All heavy atoms as atom14 arrays in JSON, in Angstrom:
{
  "sequence": "LVICTLFLDSVLILISYILILHSVLAIASQEE",
  "atom14_mask": [
    [1, 1, 1, 1, 1, 1, 1, 1, 0, 0, 0, 0, 0, 0],
    [1, 1, 1, 1, 1, 1, 1, 0, 0, 0, 0, 0, 0, 0],
    [1, 1, 1, 1, 1, 1, 1, 1, 0, 0, 0, 0, 0, 0],
    [1, 1, 1, 1, 1, 1, 0, 0, 0, 0, 0, 0, 0, 0],
    [1, 1, 1, 1, 1, 1, 1, 0, 0, 0, 0, 0, 0, 0],
    [1, 1, 1, 1, 1, 1, 1, 1, 0, 0, 0, 0, 0, 0],
    [1, 1, 1, 1, 1, 1, 1, 1, 1, 1, 1, 0, 0, 0],
    [1, 1, 1, 1, 1, 1, 1, 1, 0, 0, 0, 0, 0, 0],
    [1, 1, 1, 1, 1, 1, 1, 1, 0, 0, 0, 0, 0, 0],
    [1, 1, 1, 1, 1, 1, 0, 0, 0, 0, 0, 0, 0, 0],
    [1, 1, 1, 1, 1, 1, 1, 0, 0, 0, 0, 0, 0, 0],
    [1, 1, 1, 1, 1, 1, 1, 1, 0, 0, 0, 0, 0, 0],
    [1, 1, 1, 1, 1, 1, 1, 1, 0, 0, 0, 0, 0, 0],
    [1, 1, 1, 1, 1, 1, 1, 1, 0, 0, 0, 0, 0, 0],
    [1, 1, 1, 1, 1, 1, 1, 1, 0, 0, 0, 0, 0, 0],
    [1, 1, 1, 1, 1, 1, 0, 0, 0, 0, 0, 0, 0, 0],
    [1, 1, 1, 1, 1, 1, 1, 1, 1, 1, 1, 1, 0, 0],
    [1, 1, 1, 1, 1, 1, 1, 1, 0, 0, 0, 0, 0, 0],
    [1, 1, 1, 1, 1, 1, 1, 1, 0, 0, 0, 0, 0, 0],
    [1, 1, 1, 1, 1, 1, 1, 1, 0, 0, 0, 0, 0, 0],
    [1, 1, 1, 1, 1, 1, 1, 1, 0, 0, 0, 0, 0, 0],
    [1, 1, 1, 1, 1, 1, 1, 1, 1, 1, 0, 0, 0, 0],
    [1, 1, 1, 1, 1, 1, 0, 0, 0, 0, 0, 0, 0, 0],
    [1, 1, 1, 1, 1, 1, 1, 0, 0, 0, 0, 0, 0, 0],
    [1, 1, 1, 1, 1, 1, 1, 1, 0, 0, 0, 0, 0, 0],
    [1, 1, 1, 1, 1, 0, 0, 0, 0, 0, 0, 0, 0, 0],
    [1, 1, 1, 1, 1, 1, 1, 1, 0, 0, 0, 0, 0, 0],
    [1, 1, 1, 1, 1, 0, 0, 0, 0, 0, 0, 0, 0, 0],
    [1, 1, 1, 1, 1, 1, 0, 0, 0, 0, 0, 0, 0, 0],
    [1, 1, 1, 1, 1, 1, 1, 1, 1, 0, 0, 0, 0, 0],
    [1, 1, 1, 1, 1, 1, 1, 1, 1, 0, 0, 0, 0, 0],
    [1, 1, 1, 1, 1, 1, 1, 1, 1, 0, 0, 0, 0, 0]
  ],
  "atom14_positions": [
    [[10.27, -16.48, 12.69], [10.27, -16.53, 11.23], [8.95, -16.05, 10.67], [8.9, -15.32, 9.67], [10.57, -17.96, 10.78], [11.09, -18.13, 9.35], [12.38, -17.34, 9.15], [11.32, -19.6, 9.04], [0.0, 0.0, 0.0], [0.0, 0.0, 0.0], [0.0, 0.0, 0.0], [0.0, 0.0, 0.0], [0.0, 0.0, 0.0], [0.0, 0.0, 0.0]],
    [[7.85, -16.45, 11.31], [6.53, -16.0, 10.87], [6.41, -14.49, 11.0], [5.89, -13.8, 10.1], [5.42, -16.71, 11.68], [4.07, -16.05, 11.44], [5.34, -18.18, 11.31], [0.0, 0.0, 0.0], [0.0, 0.0, 0.0], [0.0, 0.0, 0.0], [0.0, 0.0, 0.0], [0.0, 0.0, 0.0], [0.0, 0.0, 0.0], [0.0, 0.0, 0.0]],
    [[6.9, -13.95, 12.12], [6.84, -12.5, 12.34], [7.69, -11.76, 11.3], [7.27, -10.72, 10.76], [7.3, -12.15, 13.77], [6.3, -12.7, 14.79], [7.46, -10.64, 13.94], [6.75, -12.57, 16.23], [0.0, 0.0, 0.0], [0.0, 0.0, 0.0], [0.0, 0.0, 0.0], [0.0, 0.0, 0.0], [0.0, 0.0, 0.0], [0.0, 0.0, 0.0]],
    [[8.88, -12.29, 11.01], [9.82, -11.6, 10.11], [9.49, -11.8, 8.64], [10.06, -11.11, 7.78], [11.24, -12.07, 10.38], [11.87, -11.6, 12.0], [0.0, 0.0, 0.0], [0.0, 0.0, 0.0], [0.0, 0.0, 0.0], [0.0, 0.0, 0.0], [0.0, 0.0, 0.0], [0.0, 0.0, 0.0], [0.0, 0.0, 0.0], [0.0, 0.0, 0.0]],
    [[8.62, -12.74, 8.33], [8.28, -12.98, 6.92], [6.81, -12.66, 6.67], [6.49, -11.6, 6.13], [8.6, -14.43, 6.52], [7.94, -15.35, 7.41], [10.1, -14.68, 6.56], [0.0, 0.0, 0.0], [0.0, 0.0, 0.0], [0.0, 0.0, 0.0], [0.0, 0.0, 0.0], [0.0, 0.0, 0.0], [0.0, 0.0, 0.0], [0.0, 0.0, 0.0]],
    [[5.92, -13.55, 7.05], [4.5, -13.38, 6.73], [3.93, -12.1, 7.31], [3.26, -11.33, 6.62], [3.69, -14.59, 7.2], [4.07, -15.95, 6.61], [3.13, -17.03, 7.12], [4.05, -15.92, 5.1], [0.0, 0.0, 0.0], [0.0, 0.0, 0.0], [0.0, 0.0, 0.0], [0.0, 0.0, 0.0], [0.0, 0.0, 0.0], [0.0, 0.0, 0.0]],
    [[4.19, -11.85, 8.6], [3.62, -10.66, 9.24], [4.25, -9.39, 8.68], [3.54, -8.43, 8.33], [3.83, -10.73, 10.76], [3.32, -9.52, 11.48], [1.95, -9.32, 11.64], [4.19, -8.57, 11.99], [1.47, -8.19, 12.3], [3.73, -7.45, 12.65], [2.36, -7.26, 12.81], [0.0, 0.0, 0.0], [0.0, 0.0, 0.0], [0.0, 0.0, 0.0]],
    [[5.59, -9.37, 8.56], [6.27, -8.18, 8.04], [5.86, -7.91, 6.59], [5.63, -6.77, 6.2], [7.78, -8.36, 8.14], [8.64, -7.19, 7.65], [8.33, -5.92, 8.45], [10.12, -7.53, 7.74], [0.0, 0.0, 0.0], [0.0, 0.0, 0.0], [0.0, 0.0, 0.0], [0.0, 0.0, 0.0], [0.0, 0.0, 0.0], [0.0, 0.0, 0.0]],
    [[5.75, -8.98, 5.8], [5.33, -8.82, 4.41], [3.94, -8.19, 4.32], [3.7, -7.3, 3.51], [5.32, -10.17, 3.69], [6.72, -10.69, 3.41], [7.68, -9.94, 3.63], [6.84, -11.86, 2.98], [0.0, 0.0, 0.0], [0.0, 0.0, 0.0], [0.0, 0.0, 0.0], [0.0, 0.0, 0.0], [0.0, 0.0, 0.0], [0.0, 0.0, 0.0]],
    [[3.03, -8.68, 5.16], [1.66, -8.15, 5.13], [1.62, -6.68, 5.53], [0.87, -5.88, 4.95], [0.75, -8.97, 6.07], [1.16, -8.85, 7.42], [0.0, 0.0, 0.0], [0.0, 0.0, 0.0], [0.0, 0.0, 0.0], [0.0, 0.0, 0.0], [0.0, 0.0, 0.0], [0.0, 0.0, 0.0], [0.0, 0.0, 0.0], [0.0, 0.0, 0.0]],
    [[2.45, -6.29, 6.5], [2.52, -4.88, 6.91], [3.07, -4.02, 5.77], [2.53, -2.94, 5.47], [3.39, -4.74, 8.17], [3.66, -3.25, 8.47], [2.73, -5.4, 9.37], [0.0, 0.0, 0.0], [0.0, 0.0, 0.0], [0.0, 0.0, 0.0], [0.0, 0.0, 0.0], [0.0, 0.0, 0.0], [0.0, 0.0, 0.0], [0.0, 0.0, 0.0]],
    [[4.13, -4.5, 5.12], [4.72, -3.73, 4.01], [3.76, -3.64, 2.82], [3.7, -2.6, 2.15], [6.04, -4.38, 3.58], [7.18, -4.3, 4.6], [8.4, -5.08, 4.11], [7.56, -2.85, 4.89], [0.0, 0.0, 0.0], [0.0, 0.0, 0.0], [0.0, 0.0, 0.0], [0.0, 0.0, 0.0], [0.0, 0.0, 0.0], [0.0, 0.0, 0.0]],
    [[3.01, -4.7, 2.57], [2.01, -4.66, 1.49], [0.93, -3.63, 1.83], [0.5, -2.85, 0.97], [1.38, -6.06, 1.28], [2.4, -7.01, 0.66], [0.15, -5.97, 0.38], [1.95, -8.46, 0.6], [0.0, 0.0, 0.0], [0.0, 0.0, 0.0], [0.0, 0.0, 0.0], [0.0, 0.0, 0.0], [0.0, 0.0, 0.0], [0.0, 0.0, 0.0]],
    [[0.5, -3.61, 3.09], [-0.51, -2.64, 3.53], [0.02, -1.21, 3.37], [-0.69, -0.32, 2.87], [-0.89, -2.91, 4.98], [-1.92, -1.96, 5.6], [-3.24, -2.01, 4.83], [-2.14, -2.28, 7.07], [0.0, 0.0, 0.0], [0.0, 0.0, 0.0], [0.0, 0.0, 0.0], [0.0, 0.0, 0.0], [0.0, 0.0, 0.0], [0.0, 0.0, 0.0]],
    [[1.27, -0.98, 3.77], [1.86, 0.35, 3.65], [1.95, 0.76, 2.17], [1.65, 1.91, 1.81], [3.27, 0.38, 4.29], [3.16, 0.24, 5.81], [4.01, 1.66, 3.93], [4.49, 0.08, 6.52], [0.0, 0.0, 0.0], [0.0, 0.0, 0.0], [0.0, 0.0, 0.0], [0.0, 0.0, 0.0], [0.0, 0.0, 0.0], [0.0, 0.0, 0.0]],
    [[2.32, -0.18, 1.31], [2.43, 0.15, -0.12], [1.07, 0.56, -0.68], [0.99, 1.5, -1.49], [2.97, -1.05, -0.9], [2.04, -2.1, -0.97], [0.0, 0.0, 0.0], [0.0, 0.0, 0.0], [0.0, 0.0, 0.0], [0.0, 0.0, 0.0], [0.0, 0.0, 0.0], [0.0, 0.0, 0.0], [0.0, 0.0, 0.0], [0.0, 0.0, 0.0]],
    [[0.0, -0.08, -0.22], [-1.32, 0.27, -0.73], [-1.83, 1.6, -0.16], [-2.57, 2.32, -0.82], [-2.33, -0.86, -0.48], [-2.37, -1.82, -1.64], [-1.67, -3.01, -1.6], [-3.07, -1.51, -2.8], [-1.67, -3.88, -2.67], [-3.08, -2.37, -3.88], [-2.38, -3.55, -3.81], [-2.4, -4.4, -4.89], [0.0, 0.0, 0.0], [0.0, 0.0, 0.0]],
    [[-1.41, 1.91, 1.05], [-1.75, 3.23, 1.61], [-1.08, 4.32, 0.77], [-1.7, 5.34, 0.42], [-1.3, 3.32, 3.08], [-2.16, 2.4, 3.96], [-1.4, 4.76, 3.59], [-1.69, 2.29, 5.39], [0.0, 0.0, 0.0], [0.0, 0.0, 0.0], [0.0, 0.0, 0.0], [0.0, 0.0, 0.0], [0.0, 0.0, 0.0], [0.0, 0.0, 0.0]],
    [[0.19, 4.1, 0.42], [0.91, 5.07, -0.42], [0.32, 5.13, -1.83], [0.24, 6.21, -2.43], [2.39, 4.69, -0.49], [3.16, 4.77, 0.84], [4.58, 4.25, 0.68], [3.17, 6.21, 1.37], [0.0, 0.0, 0.0], [0.0, 0.0, 0.0], [0.0, 0.0, 0.0], [0.0, 0.0, 0.0], [0.0, 0.0, 0.0], [0.0, 0.0, 0.0]],
    [[-0.11, 4.0, -2.35], [-0.74, 3.98, -3.68], [-2.04, 4.78, -3.65], [-2.31, 5.59, -4.55], [-0.99, 2.52, -4.13], [0.32, 1.85, -4.53], [-1.97, 2.48, -5.3], [0.2, 0.36, -4.79], [0.0, 0.0, 0.0], [0.0, 0.0, 0.0], [0.0, 0.0, 0.0], [0.0, 0.0, 0.0], [0.0, 0.0, 0.0], [0.0, 0.0, 0.0]],
    [[-2.87, 4.55, -2.62], [-4.13, 5.29, -2.51], [-3.88, 6.79, -2.38], [-4.59, 7.6, -2.98], [-4.93, 4.78, -1.3], [-5.69, 3.47, -1.5], [-6.3, 3.02, -0.17], [-6.78, 3.62, -2.55], [0.0, 0.0, 0.0], [0.0, 0.0, 0.0], [0.0, 0.0, 0.0], [0.0, 0.0, 0.0], [0.0, 0.0, 0.0], [0.0, 0.0, 0.0]],
    [[-2.87, 7.15, -1.6], [-2.53, 8.56, -1.44], [-2.14, 9.18, -2.77], [-2.54, 10.31, -3.1], [-1.38, 8.7, -0.43], [-0.99, 10.12, -0.16], [0.03, 10.75, -0.86], [-1.49, 11.04, 0.72], [0.15, 11.99, -0.41], [-0.76, 12.2, 0.54], [0.0, 0.0, 0.0], [0.0, 0.0, 0.0], [0.0, 0.0, 0.0], [0.0, 0.0, 0.0]],
    [[-1.37, 8.44, -3.56], [-0.95, 8.93, -4.86], [-2.12, 9.0, -5.84], [-2.24, 9.96, -6.6], [0.15, 8.02, -5.42], [0.57, 8.44, -6.69], [0.0, 0.0, 0.0], [0.0, 0.0, 0.0], [0.0, 0.0, 0.0], [0.0, 0.0, 0.0], [0.0, 0.0, 0.0], [0.0, 0.0, 0.0], [0.0, 0.0, 0.0], [0.0, 0.0, 0.0]],
    [[-2.99, 7.99, -5.82], [-4.13, 7.94, -6.74], [-5.12, 9.07, -6.44], [-5.67, 9.7, -7.36], [-4.83, 6.57, -6.68], [-6.17, 6.59, -7.4], [-3.94, 5.49, -7.28], [0.0, 0.0, 0.0], [0.0, 0.0, 0.0], [0.0, 0.0, 0.0], [0.0, 0.0, 0.0], [0.0, 0.0, 0.0], [0.0, 0.0, 0.0], [0.0, 0.0, 0.0]],
    [[-5.37, 9.32, -5.16], [-6.32, 10.37, -4.79], [-5.83, 11.76, -5.18], [-6.62, 12.7, -5.26], [-6.58, 10.32, -3.28], [-7.37, 9.09, -2.8], [-7.47, 9.08, -1.28], [-8.75, 9.04, -3.43], [0.0, 0.0, 0.0], [0.0, 0.0, 0.0], [0.0, 0.0, 0.0], [0.0, 0.0, 0.0], [0.0, 0.0, 0.0], [0.0, 0.0, 0.0]],
    [[-4.53, 11.88, -5.43], [-3.98, 13.17, -5.86], [-4.17, 13.41, -7.34], [-3.93, 14.52, -7.83], [-2.49, 13.24, -5.5], [0.0, 0.0, 0.0], [0.0, 0.0, 0.0], [0.0, 0.0, 0.0], [0.0, 0.0, 0.0], [0.0, 0.0, 0.0], [0.0, 0.0, 0.0], [0.0, 0.0, 0.0], [0.0, 0.0, 0.0], [0.0, 0.0, 0.0]],
    [[-4.6, 12.38, -8.07], [-4.85, 12.54, -9.51], [-6.16, 13.28, -9.71], [-7.19, 12.94, -9.11], [-4.91, 11.15, -10.2], [-3.58, 10.41, -10.03], [-5.24, 11.3, -11.68], [-3.59, 8.99, -10.55], [0.0, 0.0, 0.0], [0.0, 0.0, 0.0], [0.0, 0.0, 0.0], [0.0, 0.0, 0.0], [0.0, 0.0, 0.0], [0.0, 0.0, 0.0]],
    [[-6.15, 14.26, -10.55], [-7.34, 15.1, -10.75], [-8.44, 14.37, -11.49], [-9.62, 14.46, -11.13], [-6.95, 16.37, -11.51], [0.0, 0.0, 0.0], [0.0, 0.0, 0.0], [0.0, 0.0, 0.0], [0.0, 0.0, 0.0], [0.0, 0.0, 0.0], [0.0, 0.0, 0.0], [0.0, 0.0, 0.0], [0.0, 0.0, 0.0], [0.0, 0.0, 0.0]],
    [[-8.1, 13.63, -12.52], [-9.1, 12.96, -13.36], [-9.61, 11.69, -12.68], [-8.83, 10.82, -12.27], [-8.49, 12.6, -14.72], [-9.35, 11.75, -15.44], [0.0, 0.0, 0.0], [0.0, 0.0, 0.0], [0.0, 0.0, 0.0], [0.0, 0.0, 0.0], [0.0, 0.0, 0.0], [0.0, 0.0, 0.0], [0.0, 0.0, 0.0], [0.0, 0.0, 0.0]],
    [[-10.95, 11.6, -12.55], [-11.54, 10.41, -11.95], [-11.31, 9.18, -12.83], [-11.11, 8.07, -12.33], [-13.05, 10.61, -11.75], [-13.72, 9.45, -11.02], [-15.17, 9.75, -10.71], [-15.68, 10.83, -11.0], [-15.85, 8.79, -10.09], [0.0, 0.0, 0.0], [0.0, 0.0, 0.0], [0.0, 0.0, 0.0], [0.0, 0.0, 0.0], [0.0, 0.0, 0.0]],
    [[-11.3, 9.38, -14.13], [-11.07, 8.26, -15.05], [-9.66, 7.69, -14.86], [-9.47, 6.46, -14.86], [-11.25, 8.72, -16.5], [-11.09, 7.62, -17.53], [-11.3, 8.11, -18.94], [-11.82, 9.24, -19.12], [-10.94, 7.36, -19.88], [0.0, 0.0, 0.0], [0.0, 0.0, 0.0], [0.0, 0.0, 0.0], [0.0, 0.0, 0.0], [0.0, 0.0, 0.0]],
    [[-8.7, 8.58, -14.67], [-7.33, 8.13, -14.45], [-7.19, 7.44, -13.1], [-6.4, 6.5, -12.96], [-6.36, 9.32, -14.54], [-6.16, 9.85, -15.95], [-5.53, 8.81, -16.85], [-4.61, 8.1, -16.4], [-5.96, 8.68, -18.02], [0.0, 0.0, 0.0], [0.0, 0.0, 0.0], [0.0, 0.0, 0.0], [0.0, 0.0, 0.0], [0.0, 0.0, 0.0]]
  ]
}
């Protein structure tokens, strides 16, 4: 249960932030 909830959730959160950073770095404006 710990593996399928807490651990899996943390991995998915990490993946979402990697994708967010990838998307943000593609923005030309530093302010944006």
